[in-house]
Amino acid sequence: MPQLIFKGISVNQVKKISTLLVKELADLCECETDNFTLEIPQSTFVFNDNEVQGFPFIEVKWFERGQELQDQFAKIITKHVHSVTITEVEVAFSVFLEAAYYLNGKNFA
């Protein structure tokens, strides 16, 4: 169920890394690749009255999996983003509470 939201990274760049990135993350999480969602919202970034290129930022929404796994997850993302000539990237995690997450009206708790 991890959802990765990419900002400041082009659709083509995400496409180039998507298959290997998801495979490696699925192996780490011991889940299937179809559990992952990659999203690239169309955003406009503005600074000093000008449109500018957004800073590469990836938000990961998921259930808590512990600090060690989270650190490895962030390193895998960073490695793949660096492979498409992006030299700096930020990754942030938002954690869903199982009691507050529903599938077909039933919570995960």
C-alpha atoms as a PDB file:
ATOM      1  CA  MET A   1       0.000   0.000   0.000  1.00  0.00           C
ATOM      2  CA  PRO A   2       2.861   2.444   0.049  1.00  0.00           C
ATOM      3  CA  GLN A   3       1.999   5.499  -2.007  1.00  0.00           C
ATOM      4  CA  LEU A   4       4.869   7.543  -3.446  1.00  0.00           C
ATOM      5  CA  ILE A   5       4.088  11.075  -4.580  1.00  0.00           C
ATOM      6  CA  PHE A   6       6.783  12.692  -6.730  1.00  0.00           C
ATOM      7  CA  LYS A   7       7.187  16.468  -6.981  1.00  0.00           C
ATOM      8  CA  GLY A   8       9.828  18.324  -8.948  1.00  0.00           C
ATOM      9  CA  ILE A   9      10.571  15.164 -10.953  1.00  0.00           C
ATOM     10  CA  SER A  10       9.318  14.677 -14.495  1.00  0.00           C
ATOM     11  CA  VAL A  11       6.956  11.927 -15.607  1.00  0.00           C
ATOM     12  CA  ASN A  12       9.663  10.569 -17.925  1.00  0.00           C
ATOM     13  CA  GLN A  13      12.203  10.428 -15.103  1.00  0.00           C
ATOM     14  CA  VAL A  14       9.768   8.529 -12.883  1.00  0.00           C
ATOM     15  CA  LYS A  15       8.911   6.157 -15.738  1.00  0.00           C
ATOM     16  CA  LYS A  16      12.611   5.351 -16.205  1.00  0.00           C
ATOM     17  CA  ILE A  17      13.030   4.285 -12.578  1.00  0.00           C
ATOM     18  CA  SER A  18       9.553   2.943 -11.826  1.00  0.00           C
ATOM     19  CA  THR A  19       9.983  -0.781 -12.551  1.00  0.00           C
ATOM     20  CA  LEU A  20      13.271  -1.358 -10.724  1.00  0.00           C
ATOM     21  CA  LEU A  21      12.361   1.043  -7.917  1.00  0.00           C
ATOM     22  CA  VAL A  22       9.094  -0.719  -7.132  1.00  0.00           C
ATOM     23  CA  LYS A  23      10.662  -4.170  -7.398  1.00  0.00           C
ATOM     24  CA  GLU A  24      13.407  -3.254  -4.950  1.00  0.00           C
ATOM     25  CA  LEU A  25      10.950  -1.604  -2.531  1.00  0.00           C
ATOM     26  CA  ALA A  26       8.572  -4.587  -2.735  1.00  0.00           C
ATOM     27  CA  ASP A  27      11.457  -6.954  -1.958  1.00  0.00           C
ATOM     28  CA  LEU A  28      12.379  -4.811   1.050  1.00  0.00           C
ATOM     29  CA  CYS A  29       8.782  -4.707   2.329  1.00  0.00           C
ATOM     30  CA  GLU A  30       8.167  -8.372   1.485  1.00  0.00           C
ATOM     31  CA  CYS A  31       5.041  -7.545  -0.503  1.00  0.00           C
ATOM     32  CA  GLU A  32       3.867  -7.628  -4.111  1.00  0.00           C
ATOM     33  CA  THR A  33       4.732  -4.855  -6.566  1.00  0.00           C
ATOM     34  CA  ASP A  34       1.048  -4.140  -7.205  1.00  0.00           C
ATOM     35  CA  ASN A  35       0.766  -2.821  -3.638  1.00  0.00           C
ATOM     36  CA  PHE A  36       2.598   0.359  -4.689  1.00  0.00           C
ATOM     37  CA  THR A  37       1.171   3.536  -6.159  1.00  0.00           C
ATOM     38  CA  LEU A  38       3.396   6.081  -7.905  1.00  0.00           C
ATOM     39  CA  GLU A  39       1.838   9.489  -8.476  1.00  0.00           C
ATOM     40  CA  ILE A  40       3.203  12.547 -10.255  1.00  0.00           C
ATOM     41  CA  PRO A  41       0.820  15.454  -9.645  1.00  0.00           C
ATOM     42  CA  GLN A  42       1.025  18.329 -12.075  1.00  0.00           C
ATOM     43  CA  SER A  43       2.215  21.205  -9.900  1.00  0.00           C
ATOM     44  CA  THR A  44       3.346  24.714 -10.627  1.00  0.00           C
ATOM     45  CA  PHE A  45       6.104  26.080  -8.425  1.00  0.00           C
ATOM     46  CA  VAL A  46       6.505  29.835  -7.961  1.00  0.00           C
ATOM     47  CA  PHE A  47       9.336  31.897  -6.500  1.00  0.00           C
ATOM     48  CA  ASN A  48       9.814  35.685  -6.742  1.00  0.00           C
ATOM     49  CA  ASP A  49       6.973  36.185  -9.237  1.00  0.00           C
ATOM     50  CA  ASN A  50       8.336  33.481 -11.561  1.00  0.00           C
ATOM     51  CA  GLU A  51       7.506  29.881 -12.343  1.00  0.00           C
ATOM     52  CA  VAL A  52      10.457  27.744 -11.318  1.00  0.00           C
ATOM     53  CA  GLN A  53      11.450  24.088 -11.416  1.00  0.00           C
ATOM     54  CA  GLY A  54      10.294  22.397  -8.228  1.00  0.00           C
ATOM     55  CA  PHE A  55      12.804  20.866  -5.853  1.00  0.00           C
ATOM     56  CA  PRO A  56      12.797  17.059  -6.081  1.00  0.00           C
ATOM     57  CA  PHE A  57      10.638  15.850  -3.210  1.00  0.00           C
ATOM     58  CA  ILE A  58       9.021  12.456  -2.636  1.00  0.00           C
ATOM     59  CA  GLU A  59       6.349  11.891  -0.046  1.00  0.00           C
ATOM     60  CA  VAL A  60       5.782   8.308   1.060  1.00  0.00           C
ATOM     61  CA  LYS A  61       2.426   7.484   2.633  1.00  0.00           C
ATOM     62  CA  TRP A  62       2.362   4.131   4.383  1.00  0.00           C
ATOM     63  CA  PHE A  63       1.818   2.128   7.566  1.00  0.00           C
ATOM     64  CA  GLU A  64       4.604   2.256  10.162  1.00  0.00           C
ATOM     65  CA  ARG A  65       7.309  -0.311   9.432  1.00  0.00           C
ATOM     66  CA  GLY A  66      10.047   0.715  11.853  1.00  0.00           C
ATOM     67  CA  GLN A  67      12.989   3.083  11.550  1.00  0.00           C
ATOM     68  CA  GLU A  68      15.428   0.588  10.019  1.00  0.00           C
ATOM     69  CA  LEU A  69      13.108  -0.337   7.161  1.00  0.00           C
ATOM     70  CA  GLN A  70      12.147   3.314   6.658  1.00  0.00           C
ATOM     71  CA  ASP A  71      15.836   4.275   6.385  1.00  0.00           C
ATOM     72  CA  GLN A  72      16.430   1.532   3.796  1.00  0.00           C
ATOM     73  CA  PHE A  73      13.289   2.560   1.876  1.00  0.00           C
ATOM     74  CA  ALA A  74      14.521   6.177   1.691  1.00  0.00           C
ATOM     75  CA  LYS A  75      17.979   5.059   0.539  1.00  0.00           C
ATOM     76  CA  ILE A  76      16.487   2.959  -2.264  1.00  0.00           C
ATOM     77  CA  ILE A  77      14.348   5.865  -3.451  1.00  0.00           C
ATOM     78  CA  THR A  78      17.321   8.234  -3.317  1.00  0.00           C
ATOM     79  CA  LYS A  79      19.541   5.824  -5.267  1.00  0.00           C
ATOM     80  CA  HIS A  80      17.012   5.495  -8.077  1.00  0.00           C
ATOM     81  CA  VAL A  81      16.296   9.230  -8.262  1.00  0.00           C
ATOM     82  CA  HIS A  82      20.036   9.931  -8.419  1.00  0.00           C
ATOM     83  CA  SER A  83      20.258   7.499 -11.350  1.00  0.00           C
ATOM     84  CA  VAL A  84      18.268   9.936 -13.534  1.00  0.00           C
ATOM     85  CA  THR A  85      20.815  12.730 -12.947  1.00  0.00           C
ATOM     86  CA  ILE A  86      18.981  14.380 -10.068  1.00  0.00           C
ATOM     87  CA  THR A  87      21.688  15.176  -7.538  1.00  0.00           C
ATOM     88  CA  GLU A  88      19.573  16.225  -4.563  1.00  0.00           C
ATOM     89  CA  VAL A  89      16.251  14.843  -3.360  1.00  0.00           C
ATOM     90  CA  GLU A  90      14.195  14.948  -0.184  1.00  0.00           C
ATOM     91  CA  VAL A  91      12.050  12.049   1.026  1.00  0.00           C
ATOM     92  CA  ALA A  92       9.414  12.433   3.747  1.00  0.00           C
ATOM     93  CA  PHE A  93       7.160   9.805   5.305  1.00  0.00           C
ATOM     94  CA  SER A  94       3.537  10.219   6.366  1.00  0.00           C
ATOM     95  CA  VAL A  95       2.262   7.348   8.479  1.00  0.00           C
ATOM     96  CA  PHE A  96      -1.307   6.082   8.302  1.00  0.00           C
ATOM     97  CA  LEU A  97      -2.840   4.681  11.475  1.00  0.00           C
ATOM     98  CA  GLU A  98      -4.401   1.292  10.783  1.00  0.00           C
ATOM     99  CA  ALA A  99      -7.518   2.242  12.777  1.00  0.00           C
ATOM    100  CA  ALA A 100      -7.967   5.310  10.534  1.00  0.00           C
ATOM    101  CA  TYR A 101      -7.443   3.519   7.181  1.00  0.00           C
ATOM    102  CA  TYR A 102     -10.367   1.742   5.514  1.00  0.00           C
ATOM    103  CA  LEU A 103     -10.793  -0.689   2.650  1.00  0.00           C
ATOM    104  CA  ASN A 104     -14.393  -1.153   1.545  1.00  0.00           C
ATOM    105  CA  GLY A 105     -15.643   0.337   4.809  1.00  0.00           C
ATOM    106  CA  LYS A 106     -13.556  -1.879   7.117  1.00  0.00           C
ATOM    107  CA  ASN A 107     -10.582  -0.465   8.992  1.00  0.00           C
ATOM    108  CA  PHE A 108      -7.245  -2.235   9.081  1.00  0.00           C
ATOM    109  CA  ALA A 109      -7.029  -2.377  12.903  1.00  0.00           C
END
